[in-house]
Amino acid sequence: MDTSLNMTYPATIFCVVPVHNRASITKRFLDQLRRQNYPAMRVLVVDDGSTDGTGAMLESYRGLQLEVVAGTGHLWWGGAMRLGMQVAARQMGPQDALLMLNDDVELGDDFLARIAERARELGPLSVIGARQQDIDTGQEPFFGYRVDYLRCRVEMLRNPPSRTALMDVDALCGRGTLFSRAVIDRAGYVDSHKFPHFWGDIEYSARAKDLGFRLVCDTNIAIGTSFVA
C-alpha cells in the first residue's frame, strides 16, 4: 500500500444520508453535522419524494456544503443509499471517504474528527464503524456483527474487547460507517435489488470484508440510534 496516501486520507468525507418525510428530524440531523469540528466535509442528502416540506427545508438550509439529490419516492433505504453513493463516487478523489448515515442518529460534535483520526491511523484498506448506542432505553450497545456462513447465522456483537478499542467484525450497520474510495471502487454499491430496505448495509460491509478489506468497530466512538425505530 502507498503510505503517502495514508498521510492525507481521508481528505474529504462525503456524508450520504437518505431521507423521507421527516423534515424536523432531518433538520435536527443537519444541525448536528453543522456543529462538527471537522471542516473537510460534504453532505449529500437523497430526498426520496418527501411531501412534508423536507424539500423546501433542504433548499433553504445554510451552513453546510449540502447537495440534494431527488429520488422517485420508491427508492427505500437501499435505493436511496445506492443513488447517493453513485453521485458521491463521481465527485470523490482517491483520498476521500464516504460516511453512511441515517438522519435519526445522535452525533457528538467530534464524531467526524474522531472517525477521521482512526481512518488516518488504519488507512484506506479498513472500513470503520462506531459503537451503536440505544437512545431510547439505555440498552447495551452493539458493535457490529459476526457472520457464520456455514450455519446461515448473523450474530449481533455486544461484548467489546477488553484490551483495545478496536473490534474486528464481519459486518457493520450503515449508521456511521466510513468507507474509502478504494472500497467503493472494488465493492461497488449497496445491492438495492436484493436488499431494498433492510440488510443492505450489512451485506455491503460483509462484501467488503470478503474482498479483503478489514472491518473494525472503534468501540470508543459512539453514535446514538433508536433501536425501536
Protein backbone atom coordinates (compact mmCIF):
# COMPACT_ATOMS: atom_id res chain seq x y z
CA MET A 1 0.00 0.00 0.00
CA ASP A 2 1.22 3.52 -0.83
CA THR A 3 1.95 5.09 2.56
CA SER A 4 1.77 8.58 1.10
CA LEU A 5 -1.97 8.04 0.66
CA ASN A 6 -2.38 7.45 4.39
CA MET A 7 -0.93 10.84 5.31
CA THR A 8 -3.80 12.73 3.69
CA TYR A 9 -6.57 10.14 3.99
CA PRO A 10 -9.38 10.96 4.42
CA ALA A 11 -9.06 14.24 2.54
CA THR A 12 -12.81 14.92 2.36
CA ILE A 13 -15.63 12.93 3.96
CA PHE A 14 -18.81 12.65 1.90
CA CYS A 15 -21.73 12.16 4.31
CA VAL A 16 -24.54 10.33 2.49
CA VAL A 17 -27.99 10.15 4.11
CA PRO A 18 -31.36 9.05 2.70
CA VAL A 19 -34.40 10.99 3.96
CA HIS A 20 -38.16 10.75 3.53
CA ASN A 21 -40.94 12.80 5.14
CA ARG A 22 -39.19 13.65 8.41
CA ALA A 23 -38.43 17.34 7.92
CA SER A 24 -37.91 18.17 11.61
CA ILE A 25 -35.75 15.09 12.22
CA THR A 26 -33.71 15.76 9.09
CA LYS A 27 -33.15 19.39 10.12
CA ARG A 28 -32.03 18.29 13.58
CA PHE A 29 -29.58 15.90 11.93
CA LEU A 30 -28.19 18.63 9.66
CA ASP A 31 -27.76 20.88 12.68
CA GLN A 32 -25.60 18.16 14.23
CA LEU A 33 -23.44 17.97 11.12
CA ARG A 34 -23.10 21.76 11.09
CA ARG A 35 -21.64 21.59 14.60
CA GLN A 36 -18.97 19.04 13.65
CA ASN A 37 -15.43 20.25 14.25
CA TYR A 38 -14.21 18.62 11.04
CA PRO A 39 -14.06 21.11 8.16
CA ALA A 40 -13.38 18.77 5.22
CA MET A 41 -16.96 17.53 4.90
CA ARG A 42 -19.58 17.47 2.19
CA VAL A 43 -23.18 16.41 2.80
CA LEU A 44 -25.26 14.59 0.21
CA VAL A 45 -28.93 14.15 1.10
CA VAL A 46 -31.11 11.85 -1.02
CA ASP A 47 -34.66 13.13 -0.59
CA ASP A 48 -36.83 10.25 -1.74
CA GLY A 49 -40.01 12.03 -2.76
CA SER A 50 -40.83 13.79 0.52
CA THR A 51 -44.16 15.63 0.62
CA ASP A 52 -43.97 17.18 4.11
CA GLY A 53 -41.84 20.23 3.35
CA THR A 54 -38.49 18.45 3.56
CA GLY A 55 -37.55 19.72 0.09
CA ALA A 56 -38.17 23.36 0.99
CA MET A 57 -36.28 22.98 4.26
CA LEU A 58 -33.29 21.50 2.43
CA GLU A 59 -33.37 24.21 -0.21
CA SER A 60 -33.23 26.96 2.39
CA TYR A 61 -30.75 25.28 4.75
CA ARG A 62 -27.49 27.16 5.26
CA GLY A 63 -24.22 26.42 6.99
CA LEU A 64 -23.22 23.19 5.22
CA GLN A 65 -21.78 22.26 1.86
CA LEU A 66 -25.02 20.50 1.03
CA GLU A 67 -26.15 18.75 -2.14
CA VAL A 68 -29.68 17.40 -2.50
CA VAL A 69 -30.47 14.51 -4.85
CA ALA A 70 -34.11 13.87 -5.68
CA GLY A 71 -35.44 10.33 -5.51
CA THR A 72 -38.57 8.88 -7.07
CA GLY A 73 -40.42 8.19 -3.84
CA HIS A 74 -39.95 4.45 -4.32
CA LEU A 75 -36.26 4.00 -3.52
CA TRP A 76 -36.48 2.97 0.14
CA TRP A 77 -33.17 2.95 2.04
CA GLY A 78 -31.29 0.69 -0.33
CA GLY A 79 -32.14 2.56 -3.50
CA ALA A 80 -31.58 5.96 -1.89
CA MET A 81 -28.20 4.97 -0.45
CA ARG A 82 -27.15 3.43 -3.76
CA LEU A 83 -28.09 6.62 -5.61
CA GLY A 84 -26.24 8.73 -3.07
CA MET A 85 -23.15 6.54 -3.33
CA GLN A 86 -23.21 6.82 -7.12
CA VAL A 87 -23.45 10.61 -7.03
CA ALA A 88 -20.72 10.85 -4.39
CA ALA A 89 -18.40 8.48 -6.26
CA ARG A 90 -18.47 10.76 -9.30
CA GLN A 91 -17.06 13.55 -7.13
CA MET A 92 -14.72 11.67 -4.79
CA GLY A 93 -10.98 11.75 -5.21
CA PRO A 94 -8.72 8.78 -4.41
CA GLN A 95 -8.07 10.04 -0.87
CA ASP A 96 -11.69 10.78 0.00
CA ALA A 97 -14.10 8.67 2.06
CA LEU A 98 -17.85 8.09 2.25
CA LEU A 99 -19.74 8.01 5.54
CA MET A 100 -23.09 6.21 5.60
CA LEU A 101 -25.58 7.87 7.95
CA ASN A 102 -29.26 7.91 8.93
CA ASP A 103 -31.00 11.15 9.81
CA ASP A 104 -32.36 9.90 13.15
CA VAL A 105 -28.98 9.44 14.82
CA GLU A 106 -27.30 11.44 17.57
CA LEU A 107 -23.75 12.62 16.89
CA GLY A 108 -21.26 14.17 19.23
CA ASP A 109 -19.65 17.33 17.87
CA ASP A 110 -16.34 15.48 17.42
CA PHE A 111 -17.77 12.37 15.72
CA LEU A 112 -16.32 13.05 12.27
CA ALA A 113 -12.99 14.22 13.65
CA ARG A 114 -12.59 11.07 15.71
CA ILE A 115 -13.55 8.64 12.96
CA ALA A 116 -11.26 10.51 10.55
CA GLU A 117 -8.40 10.24 13.05
CA ARG A 118 -8.93 6.48 13.27
CA ALA A 119 -9.10 6.27 9.48
CA ARG A 120 -5.75 8.02 9.17
CA GLU A 121 -4.27 5.51 11.59
CA LEU A 122 -5.66 2.40 9.88
CA GLY A 123 -5.56 3.56 6.27
CA PRO A 124 -7.94 3.20 3.32
CA LEU A 125 -7.95 -0.61 3.37
CA SER A 126 -10.07 -0.57 6.54
CA VAL A 127 -13.81 0.04 6.96
CA ILE A 128 -14.53 1.77 10.27
CA GLY A 129 -17.75 1.67 12.28
CA ALA A 130 -18.88 3.09 15.61
CA ARG A 131 -20.48 1.80 18.79
CA GLN A 132 -24.27 1.76 18.35
CA GLN A 133 -25.79 3.32 21.46
CA ASP A 134 -29.52 2.96 22.21
CA ILE A 135 -31.01 6.42 22.87
CA ASP A 136 -34.43 5.13 23.99
CA THR A 137 -33.86 2.55 26.71
CA GLY A 138 -30.18 2.61 27.58
CA GLN A 139 -29.94 -0.98 26.36
CA GLU A 140 -26.40 -2.33 25.99
CA PRO A 141 -24.73 -1.07 22.81
CA PHE A 142 -23.65 -3.28 19.96
CA PHE A 143 -20.51 -3.11 17.88
CA GLY A 144 -21.20 -4.95 14.63
CA TYR A 145 -21.92 -8.48 13.50
CA ARG A 146 -20.33 -11.89 13.34
CA VAL A 147 -21.43 -13.87 10.27
CA ASP A 148 -21.48 -17.68 10.30
CA TYR A 149 -21.91 -18.53 6.63
CA LEU A 150 -21.89 -22.28 7.23
CA ARG A 151 -24.87 -22.13 9.61
CA CYS A 152 -26.53 -19.08 7.99
CA ARG A 153 -26.41 -17.10 11.23
CA VAL A 154 -25.74 -13.42 11.90
CA GLU A 155 -24.86 -12.58 15.50
CA MET A 156 -25.08 -9.06 16.93
CA LEU A 157 -21.90 -8.37 18.91
CA ARG A 158 -22.39 -6.81 22.35
CA ASN A 159 -19.20 -7.70 24.24
CA PRO A 160 -16.34 -5.29 23.45
CA PRO A 161 -12.69 -6.35 23.56
CA SER A 162 -11.08 -5.81 26.94
CA ARG A 163 -7.61 -4.62 25.90
CA THR A 164 -8.17 -2.49 22.80
CA ALA A 165 -10.69 -0.01 21.44
CA LEU A 166 -10.75 -1.80 18.09
CA MET A 167 -13.01 -4.78 17.46
CA ASP A 168 -12.66 -6.78 14.25
CA VAL A 169 -16.07 -7.78 12.89
CA ASP A 170 -17.60 -9.48 9.86
CA ALA A 171 -20.22 -6.80 9.10
CA LEU A 172 -21.27 -3.32 10.19
CA CYS A 173 -24.54 -1.41 10.03
CA GLY A 174 -24.82 1.72 7.92
CA ARG A 175 -25.18 4.21 10.76
CA GLY A 176 -21.86 5.99 10.96
CA THR A 177 -19.66 3.65 8.92
CA LEU A 178 -16.76 5.01 6.88
CA PHE A 179 -15.74 3.55 3.51
CA SER A 180 -12.73 4.67 1.49
CA ARG A 181 -12.80 5.33 -2.22
CA ALA A 182 -10.73 2.15 -2.61
CA VAL A 183 -13.54 0.09 -1.04
CA ILE A 184 -16.20 1.61 -3.29
CA ASP A 185 -14.09 1.09 -6.40
CA ARG A 186 -13.73 -2.60 -5.53
CA ALA A 187 -17.07 -3.44 -3.90
CA GLY A 188 -19.39 -1.20 -5.92
CA TYR A 189 -22.60 -0.01 -4.30
CA VAL A 190 -25.36 -1.22 -2.00
CA ASP A 191 -27.39 -4.01 -3.65
CA SER A 192 -30.80 -2.33 -3.63
CA HIS A 193 -32.36 -5.08 -5.77
CA LYS A 194 -31.79 -7.88 -3.26
CA PHE A 195 -31.96 -5.60 -0.20
CA PRO A 196 -34.34 -2.70 -0.92
CA HIS A 197 -34.61 -1.56 2.70
CA PHE A 198 -33.21 -3.90 5.36
CA TRP A 199 -29.81 -5.65 5.48
CA GLY A 200 -28.32 -3.78 2.53
CA ASP A 201 -25.74 -2.07 4.74
CA ILE A 202 -24.81 -5.32 6.49
CA GLU A 203 -24.41 -7.17 3.20
CA TYR A 204 -22.36 -4.36 1.69
CA SER A 205 -19.87 -4.23 4.55
CA ALA A 206 -19.64 -8.04 4.65
CA ARG A 207 -18.96 -7.96 0.90
CA ALA A 208 -16.09 -5.56 1.52
CA LYS A 209 -14.59 -7.96 4.05
CA ASP A 210 -14.96 -10.86 1.62
CA LEU A 211 -12.93 -8.77 -0.84
CA GLY A 212 -10.08 -8.48 1.66
CA PHE A 213 -10.76 -5.19 3.46
CA ARG A 214 -10.57 -5.05 7.24
CA LEU A 215 -13.78 -4.26 9.14
CA VAL A 216 -13.39 -2.72 12.58
CA CYS A 217 -15.62 -1.05 15.13
CA ASP A 218 -13.99 1.66 17.21
CA THR A 219 -15.78 0.96 20.48
CA ASN A 220 -14.73 4.35 21.88
CA ILE A 221 -16.67 6.25 19.21
CA ALA A 222 -20.42 6.24 19.82
CA ILE A 223 -23.39 7.04 17.63
CA GLY A 224 -26.82 7.24 19.21
CA THR A 225 -29.69 5.49 17.49
CA SER A 226 -33.25 4.36 18.16
CA PHE A 227 -33.31 0.57 18.31
CA VAL A 228 -37.12 0.65 18.49
CA ALA A 229 -37.40 2.59 15.23
